[in-house]
Amino acid sequence: METDYFSARQDPSYWYDQADFTTVKGWLGSEIVCPACGRSHKISTRLMEERSKMTDHISEYLPQLGLGGSCVVVMDENTKRAAGDRLMAGLADYAPRAVVFTRDDLHADEEALGSLMIALGEKPDFLVACGSGTITDITRYNSYMTGIPFISYATAASVDGFASGTTPLLVQGFKTTCPGTAPLGIFYDAAVLAAAPDSMTAAGFGDVLAKIIALIDWRLAFAAEDEPYCPLIAAIVDRAVEACLELADDLAVIKPDNKVKKLSDIHNSKEKEAKLKRDQEAALLARGQACVKLMDTLSLTGIAMQMMGTSRPASGSDHHISHLLEMNDIRRHKKGSLHGDKVGIGTLIGMKMYLRLFEQGELPQQRPHMAADLWEKEVRRVYGPLADQAIAKNTPYPPSGKEWEYQRKQIAKAMDLYGYKYIDRFKTLLPTARDKIIAMGGPVRPDQLGYSRQETYDAIAFGKEVRPKFTTLRLAERFGWLYDLAEEIANGLPEGKIY
């Protein structure tokens, strides 16, 4: 049977009415036969709940998840202060033990995974991840390895991985997607999310925006390489992005406690102080509600990954750029930045690359490929001691001959049908996304995170070697444009000339 690549049923918009938050939430804890792709999608997560003072009430939900006995609560020093201490009190009936990471440079690596494994001691009945991305990933992988179920208590709406069933780990310094266990439940509190550092909320916004690139990368990979694809899952992610863009103004509200401090120095009347207090409460409420909606969208994209069984619905070239920057930060003992900040920048770069590649409204002219010996030399320069792993995962030769001829025709059909229309949105979406990230206090250029022009070039030109997946970066490479575009973008970004 011939694969259907291009019918209306393959368009995410065809499935929008079945991809809203309420509908997807109704699928939690079930397995559905997908009307879009025909596959069976399993969702292990059974609950996603927000509640005021959730730490006091979380134990009420555990019987619904079949959890009892004892637990271990995993956190770091920051999340311990944010909610961990209260969470321990709320779980008092479950003999909670705390595992608190004190490393400033905490990553989901062998050291952290082993530390938790050892700290588990006598096997508890369930684990609780109290934190954000890194804490959740450390807990998730230990849950997978030990068979101990876990739940997640989110202290910041900063990443999309809470609901994922796979785990991004640093294995011998190389960012690697490993198996994992999805949490049985995800719990959060508007007040806790609103109190998280602004930078973490901005990072969460950036992580959702990254799906703009992930979706077009994924759909083109389906057309060009027959990669497994589901338009219903794509629709879930697409709707999450739309919801996120609508939240930006509320998320960008300056925290009212800053206003109070400035104005209260000048005005001391009880009437004005009362008004300021009301304004503070209203602004905090609005921010809290927006953070909850952001957390909902982040959870949705995690559920999408869980349904697909891979990170593909939420991860494209933006993540490969981010992963290489992170790997090199760690290798060079450089203080890292938030994952969402890097993928947000990677998204802006990805949009610019698509616009440049297809600015003539047709496939770009074929240019020569990088010679194999030069490619290996450059990979060794960029990846250093990790180069052998990168080279083993990849090939210096993009598809050629009949294989490339077929892929090129498939890409041309895809672009004519939906690609040019999708990418044309980037002309307005790129500056809009940039401005919204700025309004939230997030970075939009690599140099704002301390990356040099060379590091930026390397991430764009050789981020593709992190994963052998079809993305914007691979597409540009196959047409012979990648290294020129990487240089063009890296040269323009410090002054903001690119976007």
Protein backbone atom coordinates (compact mmCIF):
# COMPACT_ATOMS: atom_id res chain seq x y z
CA MET A 1 0.00 0.00 0.00
CA GLU A 2 1.43 3.35 -1.05
CA THR A 3 2.13 5.78 1.78
CA ASP A 4 -0.12 8.82 1.92
CA TYR A 5 2.25 11.78 2.29
CA PHE A 6 0.25 14.66 0.89
CA SER A 7 -3.51 14.28 1.41
CA ALA A 8 -5.54 16.71 3.53
CA ARG A 9 -5.62 14.13 6.33
CA GLN A 10 -1.86 14.59 6.80
CA ASP A 11 -2.33 18.26 7.62
CA PRO A 12 -2.44 18.98 11.37
CA SER A 13 -5.29 21.47 10.85
CA TYR A 14 -7.52 18.59 9.72
CA TRP A 15 -7.39 17.24 13.30
CA TYR A 16 -7.57 20.49 15.28
CA ASP A 17 -11.00 19.76 16.74
CA GLN A 18 -9.60 16.61 18.37
CA ALA A 19 -6.39 18.20 19.64
CA ASP A 20 -7.52 20.67 22.32
CA PHE A 21 -6.35 20.51 25.92
CA THR A 22 -9.65 19.17 27.30
CA THR A 23 -9.83 16.34 24.76
CA VAL A 24 -6.22 15.29 25.27
CA LYS A 25 -6.61 15.44 29.04
CA GLY A 26 -9.49 12.99 28.66
CA TRP A 27 -7.08 10.48 27.11
CA LEU A 28 -4.78 10.41 30.13
CA GLY A 29 -4.09 6.95 31.44
CA SER A 30 -5.42 5.26 28.32
CA GLU A 31 -4.38 3.79 25.00
CA ILE A 32 -6.07 5.04 21.84
CA VAL A 33 -6.07 3.77 18.29
CA CYS A 34 -5.26 6.91 16.39
CA PRO A 35 -7.80 7.96 13.73
CA ALA A 36 -5.06 9.92 11.96
CA CYS A 37 -2.10 7.55 11.65
CA GLY A 38 -3.64 4.22 12.67
CA ARG A 39 -1.04 3.56 15.36
CA SER A 40 -1.78 2.83 18.98
CA HIS A 41 -0.82 5.73 21.25
CA LYS A 42 -0.36 4.96 24.93
CA ILE A 43 -0.42 7.64 27.62
CA SER A 44 0.89 6.41 30.97
CA THR A 45 0.35 9.73 32.75
CA ARG A 46 -3.03 9.61 34.48
CA LEU A 47 -3.36 13.02 36.10
CA MET A 48 -2.35 16.62 35.37
CA GLU A 49 -3.64 18.82 38.18
CA GLU A 50 -3.21 22.43 39.29
CA ARG A 51 -4.41 23.52 42.71
CA SER A 52 -3.74 26.26 45.22
CA LYS A 53 -1.44 25.02 47.98
CA MET A 54 -0.97 21.77 46.10
CA THR A 55 1.74 20.66 48.52
CA ASP A 56 -0.95 20.42 51.23
CA HIS A 57 -3.31 18.43 49.02
CA ILE A 58 -1.11 16.23 46.84
CA SER A 59 -1.63 13.18 49.05
CA GLU A 60 -5.35 13.28 48.19
CA TYR A 61 -4.53 12.30 44.60
CA LEU A 62 -2.18 9.42 45.30
CA PRO A 63 -4.84 6.73 45.89
CA GLN A 64 -6.21 7.49 42.39
CA LEU A 65 -2.76 6.58 41.06
CA GLY A 66 -2.53 3.41 43.10
CA LEU A 67 0.36 4.80 45.14
CA GLY A 68 0.95 4.02 48.78
CA GLY A 69 3.68 3.04 51.20
CA SER A 70 6.85 5.12 51.33
CA CYS A 71 8.39 7.65 48.97
CA VAL A 72 11.59 9.49 48.15
CA VAL A 73 11.34 13.18 47.20
CA VAL A 74 14.07 14.30 44.79
CA MET A 75 15.01 18.00 44.72
CA ASP A 76 17.84 20.50 44.69
CA GLU A 77 18.47 23.31 47.14
CA ASN A 78 16.44 25.83 45.14
CA THR A 79 13.40 23.62 44.67
CA LYS A 80 13.62 22.56 48.31
CA ARG A 81 13.06 26.19 49.27
CA ALA A 82 10.44 26.76 46.59
CA ALA A 83 8.21 23.84 47.53
CA GLY A 84 10.22 20.85 48.73
CA ASP A 85 9.95 21.45 52.45
CA ARG A 86 6.18 21.94 52.20
CA LEU A 87 5.90 18.90 49.94
CA MET A 88 7.66 16.75 52.53
CA ALA A 89 5.11 17.90 55.10
CA GLY A 90 2.23 17.21 52.73
CA LEU A 91 3.51 13.67 52.17
CA ALA A 92 4.01 12.96 55.88
CA ASP A 93 1.74 9.91 55.74
CA TYR A 94 4.05 8.32 53.16
CA ALA A 95 7.26 8.25 55.24
CA PRO A 96 9.03 10.63 52.84
CA ARG A 97 12.81 10.70 52.57
CA ALA A 98 14.50 13.64 50.84
CA VAL A 99 17.34 13.42 48.34
CA VAL A 100 18.68 16.95 47.88
CA PHE A 101 21.26 17.66 45.18
CA THR A 102 23.70 20.41 46.13
CA ARG A 103 25.74 20.66 42.90
CA ASP A 104 25.64 24.11 41.32
CA ASP A 105 26.20 22.55 37.89
CA LEU A 106 23.63 19.77 38.22
CA HIS A 107 23.00 17.80 35.02
CA ALA A 108 21.24 14.54 34.24
CA ASP A 109 24.56 12.71 33.94
CA GLU A 110 26.15 9.53 35.28
CA GLU A 111 27.15 11.19 38.55
CA ALA A 112 23.66 12.46 39.34
CA LEU A 113 21.94 9.26 38.21
CA GLY A 114 24.28 7.14 40.31
CA SER A 115 23.92 9.38 43.34
CA LEU A 116 20.16 9.00 43.32
CA MET A 117 20.36 5.26 42.70
CA ILE A 118 22.60 4.84 45.76
CA ALA A 119 20.49 7.20 47.86
CA LEU A 120 17.34 5.18 47.23
CA GLY A 121 18.67 2.61 49.68
CA GLU A 122 15.76 0.45 50.73
CA LYS A 123 13.48 0.54 47.74
CA PRO A 124 10.65 3.07 48.25
CA ASP A 125 7.21 2.52 46.76
CA PHE A 126 7.27 5.66 44.62
CA LEU A 127 9.42 8.67 43.75
CA VAL A 128 8.51 12.35 43.65
CA ALA A 129 10.43 14.75 41.40
CA CYS A 130 10.21 18.21 42.95
CA GLY A 131 11.69 20.64 40.45
CA SER A 132 11.91 21.24 36.75
CA GLY A 133 13.71 19.63 33.80
CA THR A 134 16.93 18.27 35.29
CA ILE A 135 15.39 16.92 38.50
CA THR A 136 12.59 15.32 36.50
CA ASP A 137 15.03 13.66 34.07
CA ILE A 138 17.20 12.28 36.88
CA THR A 139 14.12 10.89 38.59
CA ARG A 140 12.58 9.61 35.35
CA TYR A 141 15.60 7.53 34.39
CA ASN A 142 15.93 6.05 37.87
CA SER A 143 12.23 5.21 37.73
CA TYR A 144 12.84 3.41 34.45
CA MET A 145 15.87 1.51 35.74
CA THR A 146 14.33 0.47 39.06
CA GLY A 147 10.69 0.03 38.08
CA ILE A 148 9.64 2.42 40.84
CA PRO A 149 6.81 4.68 39.61
CA PHE A 150 7.12 8.44 40.00
CA ILE A 151 5.10 11.63 40.04
CA SER A 152 6.23 15.15 39.24
CA TYR A 153 5.69 18.33 41.24
CA ALA A 154 6.66 21.25 38.98
CA THR A 155 8.30 24.27 40.58
CA ALA A 156 8.70 26.24 37.32
CA ALA A 157 7.06 26.22 33.90
CA SER A 158 10.44 26.05 32.22
CA VAL A 159 10.61 22.91 30.02
CA ASP A 160 8.37 20.59 28.02
CA GLY A 161 9.79 17.35 29.36
CA PHE A 162 7.63 16.82 32.44
CA ALA A 163 5.31 14.35 30.68
CA SER A 164 7.84 12.80 28.32
CA GLY A 165 8.53 9.09 28.30
CA THR A 166 12.11 9.50 27.06
CA THR A 167 15.09 10.96 28.93
CA PRO A 168 17.76 13.31 27.56
CA LEU A 169 20.96 12.37 29.39
CA LEU A 170 24.59 13.36 29.23
CA VAL A 171 26.36 10.05 28.61
CA GLN A 172 30.15 10.48 28.70
CA GLY A 173 29.50 14.13 27.92
CA PHE A 174 27.33 13.46 24.84
CA LYS A 175 23.67 14.48 24.86
CA THR A 176 21.81 11.22 24.29
CA THR A 177 18.12 10.33 24.21
CA CYS A 178 17.58 7.35 26.50
CA PRO A 179 14.53 5.40 27.63
CA GLY A 180 12.51 6.64 30.55
CA THR A 181 9.25 6.36 32.42
CA ALA A 182 6.49 8.93 32.17
CA PRO A 183 5.19 10.28 35.49
CA LEU A 184 1.88 8.88 36.70
CA GLY A 185 0.85 12.39 37.69
CA ILE A 186 1.99 15.98 37.17
CA PHE A 187 1.07 18.51 39.85
CA TYR A 188 1.52 22.26 40.05
CA ASP A 189 0.43 25.39 41.89
CA ALA A 190 -0.11 28.79 40.25
CA ALA A 191 1.55 30.66 43.12
CA VAL A 192 4.67 28.47 43.01
CA LEU A 193 4.97 28.77 39.22
CA ALA A 194 4.48 32.56 39.38
CA ALA A 195 7.19 32.86 42.04
CA ALA A 196 9.77 31.04 39.91
CA PRO A 197 12.56 33.18 38.45
CA ASP A 198 11.44 35.16 35.41
CA SER A 199 14.28 33.60 33.45
CA MET A 200 12.84 30.11 33.94
CA THR A 201 9.38 31.16 32.76
CA ALA A 202 10.93 32.85 29.72
CA ALA A 203 12.82 29.61 29.05
CA GLY A 204 9.56 27.65 29.14
CA PHE A 205 8.08 30.07 26.62
CA GLY A 206 11.13 29.54 24.41
CA ASP A 207 10.80 25.76 24.69
CA VAL A 208 7.20 25.87 23.44
CA LEU A 209 8.15 28.22 20.59
CA ALA A 210 10.71 25.66 19.47
CA LYS A 211 7.88 23.45 18.27
CA ILE A 212 7.39 25.87 15.36
CA ILE A 213 10.58 24.48 13.85
CA ALA A 214 10.12 20.95 15.17
CA LEU A 215 6.80 20.56 13.35
CA ILE A 216 8.01 21.59 9.88
CA ASP A 217 11.22 19.58 10.36
CA TRP A 218 9.14 16.53 11.28
CA ARG A 219 6.67 16.83 8.44
CA LEU A 220 9.42 17.27 5.85
CA ALA A 221 11.25 14.27 7.34
CA PHE A 222 8.08 12.25 6.80
CA ALA A 223 7.93 13.30 3.14
CA ALA A 224 11.65 12.94 2.41
CA GLU A 225 12.66 9.95 4.55
CA ASP A 226 9.36 8.27 5.43
CA GLU A 227 9.96 8.97 9.11
CA PRO A 228 7.00 7.94 11.30
CA TYR A 229 4.57 10.86 11.55
CA CYS A 230 1.18 11.52 13.11
CA PRO A 231 -0.84 14.60 12.09
CA LEU A 232 -3.03 14.35 15.20
CA ILE A 233 0.01 14.58 17.46
CA ALA A 234 1.33 17.42 15.29
CA ALA A 235 -2.03 19.17 15.77
CA ILE A 236 -1.74 18.85 19.55
CA VAL A 237 1.67 20.51 19.45
CA ASP A 238 0.56 23.17 16.97
CA ARG A 239 -2.36 24.17 19.18
CA ALA A 240 -0.03 24.32 22.18
CA VAL A 241 2.17 26.81 20.30
CA GLU A 242 -0.82 28.98 19.43
CA ALA A 243 -1.94 29.00 23.06
CA CYS A 244 1.56 29.91 24.19
CA LEU A 245 1.80 32.91 21.86
CA GLU A 246 -1.44 34.25 23.31
CA LEU A 247 0.01 34.07 26.83
CA ALA A 248 3.08 36.18 26.17
CA ASP A 249 1.67 39.53 27.30
CA ASP A 250 0.54 38.20 30.68
CA LEU A 251 3.79 36.34 31.18
CA ALA A 252 5.71 39.53 30.42
CA VAL A 253 4.04 41.48 33.23
CA ILE A 254 6.70 42.93 35.54
CA LYS A 255 6.39 41.33 38.93
CA PRO A 256 4.38 43.73 41.09
CA ASP A 257 6.63 43.48 44.14
CA ASN A 258 9.24 45.45 42.16
CA LYS A 259 6.71 48.19 41.48
CA VAL A 260 5.67 48.30 45.11
CA LYS A 261 9.20 48.81 46.31
CA LYS A 262 9.79 51.71 43.94
CA LEU A 263 6.49 53.48 44.53
CA SER A 264 6.30 52.89 48.26
CA ASP A 265 9.53 54.83 48.68
CA ILE A 266 7.69 57.87 47.34
CA HIS A 267 4.08 57.39 48.50
CA ASN A 268 3.33 56.38 52.04
CA SER A 269 -0.38 57.11 52.35
CA LYS A 270 -2.53 54.20 53.45
CA GLU A 271 -4.85 54.73 50.49
CA LYS A 272 -2.04 54.44 47.96
CA GLU A 273 -0.50 51.51 49.78
CA ALA A 274 -3.86 49.75 49.70
CA LYS A 275 -4.17 50.41 45.98
CA LEU A 276 -0.67 49.13 45.39
CA LYS A 277 -1.51 45.99 47.32
CA ARG A 278 -4.61 45.42 45.20
CA ASP A 279 -2.60 46.01 42.03
CA GLN A 280 0.03 43.60 43.29
CA GLU A 281 -2.52 40.90 43.99
CA ALA A 282 -4.21 41.39 40.60
CA ALA A 283 -0.93 41.29 38.69
CA LEU A 284 0.25 38.24 40.63
CA LEU A 285 -3.05 36.50 39.93
CA ALA A 286 -2.79 37.27 36.20
CA ARG A 287 0.78 36.03 36.10
CA GLY A 288 -0.11 32.90 38.03
CA GLN A 289 -2.96 32.09 35.65
CA ALA A 290 -0.67 32.65 32.66
CA CYS A 291 2.01 30.41 34.20
CA VAL A 292 -0.57 27.66 34.69
CA LYS A 293 -1.61 27.92 31.04
CA LEU A 294 2.05 27.83 30.02
CA MET A 295 2.52 24.74 32.17
CA ASP A 296 -0.54 23.20 30.51
CA THR A 297 0.97 23.75 27.06
CA LEU A 298 4.35 22.40 28.16
CA SER A 299 2.61 19.32 29.55
CA LEU A 300 0.67 18.90 26.30
CA THR A 301 3.85 18.80 24.25
CA GLY A 302 5.25 16.26 26.69
CA ILE A 303 2.13 14.13 26.26
CA ALA A 304 2.61 14.41 22.48
CA MET A 305 6.12 12.97 22.85
CA GLN A 306 4.78 10.24 25.10
CA MET A 307 2.10 9.33 22.53
CA MET A 308 4.66 9.15 19.71
CA GLY A 309 7.24 7.36 21.81
CA THR A 310 9.98 9.76 20.68
CA SER A 311 10.94 13.40 21.15
CA ARG A 312 10.31 14.12 17.44
CA PRO A 313 7.04 16.10 17.87
CA ALA A 314 8.83 18.65 20.05
CA SER A 315 12.48 18.61 18.99
CA GLY A 316 14.08 19.79 15.75
CA SER A 317 17.17 21.68 14.67
CA ASP A 318 16.68 24.14 17.53
CA HIS A 319 17.35 21.37 20.05
CA HIS A 320 20.41 20.13 18.17
CA ILE A 321 21.90 23.64 18.29
CA SER A 322 21.10 23.79 22.01
CA HIS A 323 22.52 20.34 22.76
CA LEU A 324 25.86 21.10 21.14
CA LEU A 325 26.18 24.38 23.02
CA GLU A 326 25.39 22.58 26.28
CA MET A 327 27.81 19.74 25.61
CA ASN A 328 30.62 22.17 24.88
CA ASP A 329 29.79 24.27 27.95
CA ILE A 330 30.20 21.21 30.14
CA ARG A 331 33.36 20.07 28.39
CA ARG A 332 34.89 23.52 28.87
CA HIS A 333 33.67 23.83 32.48
CA LYS A 334 31.64 26.87 31.50
CA LYS A 335 28.55 27.82 33.49
CA GLY A 336 25.60 26.82 31.35
CA SER A 337 22.35 28.56 30.53
CA LEU A 338 18.77 27.34 30.60
CA HIS A 339 17.72 24.79 27.99
CA GLY A 340 14.69 26.86 26.97
CA ASP A 341 16.84 29.94 26.40
CA LYS A 342 19.06 28.07 23.96
CA VAL A 343 16.23 26.39 22.06
CA GLY A 344 14.38 29.72 21.89
CA ILE A 345 17.40 31.21 20.14
CA GLY A 346 17.67 28.05 18.04
CA THR A 347 14.07 28.59 16.96
CA LEU A 348 14.75 32.13 15.78
CA ILE A 349 17.79 30.86 13.89
CA GLY A 350 15.75 28.01 12.40
CA MET A 351 13.07 30.38 11.14
CA LYS A 352 15.72 32.59 9.56
CA MET A 353 17.34 29.59 7.87
CA TYR A 354 14.04 28.47 6.36
CA LEU A 355 13.33 31.99 5.11
CA ARG A 356 16.77 32.26 3.50
CA LEU A 357 16.67 28.77 1.95
CA PHE A 358 13.31 29.31 0.29
CA GLU A 359 13.25 33.09 -0.16
CA GLN A 360 12.85 32.72 -3.94
CA GLY A 361 9.69 30.66 -3.55
CA GLU A 362 11.37 27.59 -5.00
CA LEU A 363 13.94 24.99 -4.03
CA PRO A 364 17.39 26.53 -3.54
CA GLN A 365 20.03 26.04 -6.20
CA GLN A 366 22.29 23.08 -5.49
CA ARG A 367 25.72 24.00 -4.14
CA PRO A 368 28.76 21.76 -3.57
CA HIS A 369 28.96 19.69 -0.39
CA MET A 370 31.79 19.90 2.11
CA ALA A 371 34.56 17.42 1.33
CA ALA A 372 34.58 14.36 3.60
CA ASP A 373 38.08 14.96 4.95
CA LEU A 374 37.27 18.59 5.79
CA TRP A 375 34.01 17.51 7.45
CA GLU A 376 35.84 15.09 9.73
CA LYS A 377 38.48 17.70 10.54
CA GLU A 378 35.79 20.23 11.46
CA VAL A 379 33.82 17.74 13.55
CA ARG A 380 36.98 16.91 15.49
CA ARG A 381 37.65 20.61 16.04
CA VAL A 382 34.11 21.32 17.27
CA TYR A 383 33.46 18.17 19.31
CA GLY A 384 36.96 17.65 20.70
CA PRO A 385 37.12 14.43 22.77
CA LEU A 386 33.49 13.69 21.82
CA ALA A 387 34.28 13.66 18.10
CA ASP A 388 34.52 9.88 17.73
CA GLN A 389 30.95 9.54 19.03
CA ALA A 390 29.72 12.24 16.66
CA ILE A 391 31.48 10.69 13.66
CA ALA A 392 30.14 7.22 14.51
CA LYS A 393 26.56 8.55 14.50
CA ASN A 394 26.88 10.31 11.16
CA THR A 395 28.21 10.16 7.62
CA PRO A 396 30.12 12.87 5.76
CA TYR A 397 28.11 12.16 2.63
CA PRO A 398 24.58 13.56 2.26
CA PRO A 399 22.24 11.45 0.10
CA SER A 400 23.15 11.49 -3.58
CA GLY A 401 22.11 9.94 -6.87
CA LYS A 402 18.66 8.39 -7.06
CA GLU A 403 18.15 8.67 -3.29
CA TRP A 404 18.65 12.44 -3.34
CA GLU A 405 16.66 12.79 -6.56
CA TYR A 406 13.70 11.09 -4.87
CA GLN A 407 14.05 13.14 -1.68
CA ARG A 408 14.33 16.35 -3.67
CA LYS A 409 11.10 15.59 -5.53
CA GLN A 410 9.34 14.78 -2.26
CA ILE A 411 10.58 18.01 -0.68
CA ALA A 412 9.42 19.97 -3.74
CA LYS A 413 5.92 18.45 -3.48
CA ALA A 414 5.78 19.13 0.24
CA MET A 415 6.91 22.71 -0.16
CA ASP A 416 4.35 23.38 -2.90
CA LEU A 417 1.55 21.86 -0.85
CA TYR A 418 2.22 23.38 2.58
CA GLY A 419 5.86 24.33 3.09
CA TYR A 420 5.96 27.77 1.45
CA LYS A 421 2.74 28.77 3.19
CA TYR A 422 4.05 27.59 6.56
CA ILE A 423 7.40 29.32 6.15
CA ASP A 424 5.83 32.54 4.86
CA ARG A 425 4.37 32.99 8.35
CA PHE A 426 7.92 33.33 9.66
CA LYS A 427 8.20 36.81 8.07
CA THR A 428 5.92 38.15 10.80
CA LEU A 429 6.32 35.38 13.37
CA LEU A 430 10.10 35.77 13.62
CA PRO A 431 10.06 39.41 14.80
CA THR A 432 6.96 38.74 16.90
CA ALA A 433 8.56 35.81 18.70
CA ARG A 434 11.77 37.78 19.16
CA ASP A 435 9.91 40.72 20.71
CA LYS A 436 7.86 38.50 23.01
CA ILE A 437 10.98 36.76 24.31
CA ILE A 438 12.59 40.16 24.92
CA ALA A 439 9.48 41.38 26.76
CA MET A 440 9.76 38.39 29.07
CA GLY A 441 13.41 39.13 29.77
CA GLY A 442 14.73 36.22 27.74
CA PRO A 443 17.74 36.20 25.39
CA VAL A 444 17.38 36.33 21.60
CA ARG A 445 21.06 36.22 20.57
CA PRO A 446 23.79 33.71 21.48
CA ASP A 447 26.15 36.46 22.63
CA GLN A 448 23.63 37.33 25.37
CA LEU A 449 24.40 33.89 26.80
CA GLY A 450 28.14 34.41 26.44
CA TYR A 451 28.67 32.57 23.15
CA SER A 452 31.19 33.89 20.65
CA ARG A 453 30.69 34.23 16.91
CA GLN A 454 32.76 31.06 16.42
CA GLU A 455 30.71 29.08 18.95
CA THR A 456 27.52 30.26 17.25
CA TYR A 457 28.80 29.22 13.83
CA ASP A 458 29.88 25.83 15.15
CA ALA A 459 26.48 25.17 16.75
CA ILE A 460 24.61 25.97 13.53
CA ALA A 461 27.04 24.22 11.19
CA PHE A 462 27.67 21.10 13.28
CA GLY A 463 24.70 20.80 15.64
CA LYS A 464 23.31 18.28 13.16
CA GLU A 465 25.95 15.75 14.25
CA VAL A 466 24.29 15.50 17.67
CA ARG A 467 21.51 13.39 16.12
CA PRO A 468 21.26 11.69 12.70
CA LYS A 469 17.81 13.21 12.12
CA PHE A 470 16.36 15.21 9.23
CA THR A 471 16.05 18.87 10.31
CA THR A 472 16.51 22.36 8.92
CA LEU A 473 20.24 21.83 9.33
CA ARG A 474 20.25 18.60 7.31
CA LEU A 475 18.03 20.18 4.67
CA ALA A 476 20.42 23.10 4.25
CA GLU A 477 23.37 20.69 4.14
CA ARG A 478 21.80 18.61 1.37
CA PHE A 479 21.37 21.67 -0.81
CA GLY A 480 24.95 22.73 0.03
CA TRP A 481 23.87 25.92 1.83
CA LEU A 482 24.44 25.05 5.48
CA TYR A 483 27.94 26.35 6.10
CA ASP A 484 27.37 29.60 4.20
CA LEU A 485 24.14 30.25 6.10
CA ALA A 486 25.81 29.39 9.41
CA GLU A 487 28.51 31.97 8.69
CA GLU A 488 25.98 34.56 7.55
CA ILE A 489 23.83 34.16 10.66
CA ALA A 490 26.77 33.98 13.08
CA ASN A 491 28.25 37.16 11.60
CA GLY A 492 24.96 39.04 11.81
CA LEU A 493 23.67 37.99 15.20
CA PRO A 494 25.89 40.01 17.56
CA GLU A 495 24.47 43.26 16.20
CA GLY A 496 20.99 41.80 15.72
CA LYS A 497 21.19 42.35 11.96
CA ILE A 498 19.71 38.95 11.09
CA TYR A 499 16.36 39.32 12.81
